[in-house]
Amino acid sequence: MPDPVYARETVWIPYMLETLGCDADTVLIGHSSGAAAAMRLVEQYKVKGLVLVAAYDDDLGDDLERNSGYFSRPWDWAKIQENAGFIVQFGGSEDSLVPIEVQRRVARALESQFHEDPDGDHFFSPPFPELIQEIRSNVDKLGSVDNLFD
């Protein structure tokens, strides 16, 4: 993603739409700041699925997060739910950056399928098999997609 340090909404959302081509056939995966960006995108646009890793819904007291733009207004949880064919979330109980209670709060707000790893930190080493398995399972429920993992 461009602008990796500041992760600004004004940069990331257009990039996801215009460069990555996110659309109604996309399974959007967002990790950390990418999860915030993914949730904001899905407030406005439909996607096949939304997979969040280490998601959070406030700036966590961090100036860079505060200035990113994602946390300047309330979340429209209902719209995110409406626009996502499915929502799966992964969180680590031992996350050193995003408190697990914040991740659980997002899961409750989205009524997502929440998978909590009791020993998980911030998931710096993707992909992890559970993520791929959940995407496959949920996409199969919606109807198979050719070449999803080719």
Protein backbone atom coordinates (compact mmCIF):
# COMPACT_ATOMS: atom_id res chain seq x y z
CA MET A 1 0.00 0.00 0.00
CA PRO A 2 1.18 3.53 -0.61
CA ASP A 3 1.73 5.86 2.32
CA PRO A 4 2.50 2.99 4.74
CA VAL A 5 3.58 5.11 7.71
CA TYR A 6 0.63 7.50 7.76
CA ALA A 7 -1.94 5.14 6.23
CA ARG A 8 -4.20 8.06 5.33
CA GLU A 9 -7.76 7.37 4.31
CA THR A 10 -7.52 9.96 1.54
CA VAL A 11 -4.72 7.90 -0.04
CA TRP A 12 -5.66 4.32 0.77
CA ILE A 13 -9.35 4.29 -0.19
CA PRO A 14 -8.77 5.68 -3.70
CA TYR A 15 -5.82 3.30 -4.12
CA MET A 16 -7.95 0.29 -3.17
CA LEU A 17 -10.68 1.32 -5.59
CA GLU A 18 -8.66 2.62 -8.54
CA THR A 19 -5.41 0.66 -8.45
CA LEU A 20 -6.38 -2.59 -6.75
CA GLY A 21 -9.84 -2.61 -8.35
CA CYS A 22 -11.84 -3.52 -5.26
CA ASP A 23 -15.44 -4.20 -6.23
CA ALA A 24 -18.43 -6.40 -5.44
CA ASP A 25 -16.43 -9.53 -6.38
CA THR A 26 -13.56 -8.72 -4.02
CA VAL A 27 -12.74 -10.51 -0.80
CA LEU A 28 -11.08 -7.62 1.00
CA ILE A 29 -8.48 -8.48 3.64
CA GLY A 30 -7.31 -5.75 5.99
CA HIS A 31 -4.66 -6.01 8.69
CA SER A 32 -4.30 -3.37 11.42
CA SER A 33 -4.51 0.04 9.67
CA GLY A 34 -5.60 -1.89 6.61
CA ALA A 35 -8.56 -3.22 8.60
CA ALA A 36 -9.66 0.34 9.38
CA ALA A 37 -9.29 1.24 5.70
CA ALA A 38 -11.22 -1.86 4.65
CA MET A 39 -14.08 -1.08 7.03
CA ARG A 40 -14.31 2.50 5.75
CA LEU A 41 -14.33 1.30 2.15
CA VAL A 42 -17.08 -1.22 2.89
CA GLU A 43 -19.21 1.49 4.47
CA GLN A 44 -19.53 2.88 0.94
CA TYR A 45 -19.07 -0.08 -1.43
CA LYS A 46 -20.20 -3.69 -1.64
CA VAL A 47 -17.65 -6.50 -1.45
CA LYS A 48 -17.96 -10.27 -1.60
CA GLY A 49 -16.34 -10.59 1.80
CA LEU A 50 -14.45 -8.69 4.47
CA VAL A 51 -11.64 -10.31 6.45
CA LEU A 52 -10.20 -8.25 9.29
CA VAL A 53 -7.01 -9.01 11.17
CA ALA A 54 -6.16 -7.02 14.32
CA ALA A 55 -9.05 -4.62 13.66
CA TYR A 56 -9.74 -1.55 15.77
CA ASP A 57 -12.29 1.24 15.81
CA ASP A 58 -10.51 4.15 17.49
CA ASP A 59 -7.14 5.87 17.25
CA LEU A 60 -5.70 3.91 20.21
CA GLY A 61 -4.29 7.16 21.56
CA ASP A 62 -1.82 7.38 18.68
CA ASP A 63 -1.26 10.66 16.80
CA LEU A 64 -0.60 8.95 13.46
CA GLU A 65 -3.82 6.97 13.78
CA ARG A 66 -5.72 10.08 14.86
CA ASN A 67 -4.52 11.92 11.76
CA SER A 68 -5.22 9.04 9.35
CA GLY A 69 -8.84 10.12 8.91
CA TYR A 70 -10.48 6.80 9.75
CA PHE A 71 -11.49 7.80 13.26
CA SER A 72 -12.88 11.29 12.64
CA ARG A 73 -16.51 10.13 12.55
CA PRO A 74 -18.69 7.33 13.90
CA TRP A 75 -18.63 3.93 12.23
CA ASP A 76 -21.69 2.82 10.28
CA TRP A 77 -21.62 -0.79 11.45
CA ALA A 78 -24.98 -1.62 9.84
CA LYS A 79 -23.79 -0.39 6.44
CA ILE A 80 -20.59 -2.44 6.69
CA GLN A 81 -22.66 -5.53 7.51
CA GLU A 82 -25.04 -4.79 4.64
CA ASN A 83 -22.24 -4.26 2.11
CA ALA A 84 -20.18 -7.35 2.97
CA GLY A 85 -21.27 -10.79 1.82
CA PHE A 86 -19.49 -12.16 4.89
CA ILE A 87 -17.31 -10.78 7.67
CA VAL A 88 -14.57 -12.79 9.35
CA GLN A 89 -12.23 -11.40 11.95
CA PHE A 90 -9.01 -12.65 13.53
CA GLY A 91 -7.55 -11.31 16.75
CA GLY A 92 -4.68 -12.21 19.01
CA SER A 93 -5.14 -12.20 22.78
CA GLU A 94 -1.50 -11.18 23.17
CA ASP A 95 -1.56 -8.41 20.55
CA SER A 96 1.07 -5.87 21.56
CA LEU A 97 -0.44 -3.06 19.46
CA VAL A 98 -4.22 -3.53 19.46
CA PRO A 99 -5.77 -4.57 22.78
CA ILE A 100 -7.88 -7.69 22.45
CA GLU A 101 -10.89 -5.96 24.02
CA VAL A 102 -10.84 -3.41 21.19
CA GLN A 103 -10.78 -6.25 18.66
CA ARG A 104 -13.65 -7.96 20.46
CA ARG A 105 -15.60 -4.68 20.45
CA VAL A 106 -15.27 -4.48 16.65
CA ALA A 107 -16.38 -8.10 16.37
CA ARG A 108 -19.47 -7.41 18.48
CA ALA A 109 -20.33 -4.29 16.49
CA LEU A 110 -20.01 -6.15 13.19
CA GLU A 111 -21.43 -9.44 14.47
CA SER A 112 -18.49 -11.02 12.67
CA GLN A 113 -17.20 -14.55 12.82
CA PHE A 114 -14.46 -13.84 15.36
CA HIS A 115 -11.47 -16.13 15.73
CA GLU A 116 -9.32 -15.34 18.74
CA ASP A 117 -5.85 -16.84 18.97
CA PRO A 118 -5.02 -17.11 22.68
CA ASP A 119 -1.29 -16.83 21.96
CA GLY A 120 -1.51 -14.51 18.95
CA ASP A 121 0.27 -11.19 18.77
CA HIS A 122 -0.24 -8.76 15.88
CA PHE A 123 -0.06 -11.35 13.05
CA PHE A 124 3.08 -9.98 11.42
CA SER A 125 3.70 -13.17 9.44
CA PRO A 126 0.85 -13.68 6.99
CA PRO A 127 -0.70 -15.67 5.57
CA PHE A 128 -1.82 -18.05 8.21
CA PRO A 129 -3.75 -21.20 7.28
CA GLU A 130 -6.87 -20.29 9.27
CA LEU A 131 -7.32 -17.15 7.19
CA ILE A 132 -7.23 -19.05 3.89
CA GLN A 133 -9.55 -21.73 5.27
CA GLU A 134 -12.14 -19.16 6.41
CA ILE A 135 -12.09 -17.35 3.08
CA ARG A 136 -12.58 -20.60 1.17
CA SER A 137 -15.40 -21.69 3.47
CA ASN A 138 -17.26 -18.40 3.24
CA VAL A 139 -16.80 -17.99 -0.50
CA ASP A 140 -18.09 -21.53 -1.01
CA LYS A 141 -21.25 -20.59 0.90
CA LEU A 142 -21.80 -17.64 -1.45
CA GLY A 143 -21.02 -19.65 -4.57
CA SER A 144 -17.61 -20.71 -5.77
CA VAL A 145 -15.20 -18.35 -7.43
CA ASP A 146 -12.89 -19.73 -10.10
CA ASN A 147 -9.17 -19.40 -9.45
CA LEU A 148 -9.58 -17.71 -6.07
CA PHE A 149 -6.22 -19.01 -4.83
CA ASP A 150 -4.40 -19.70 -8.10
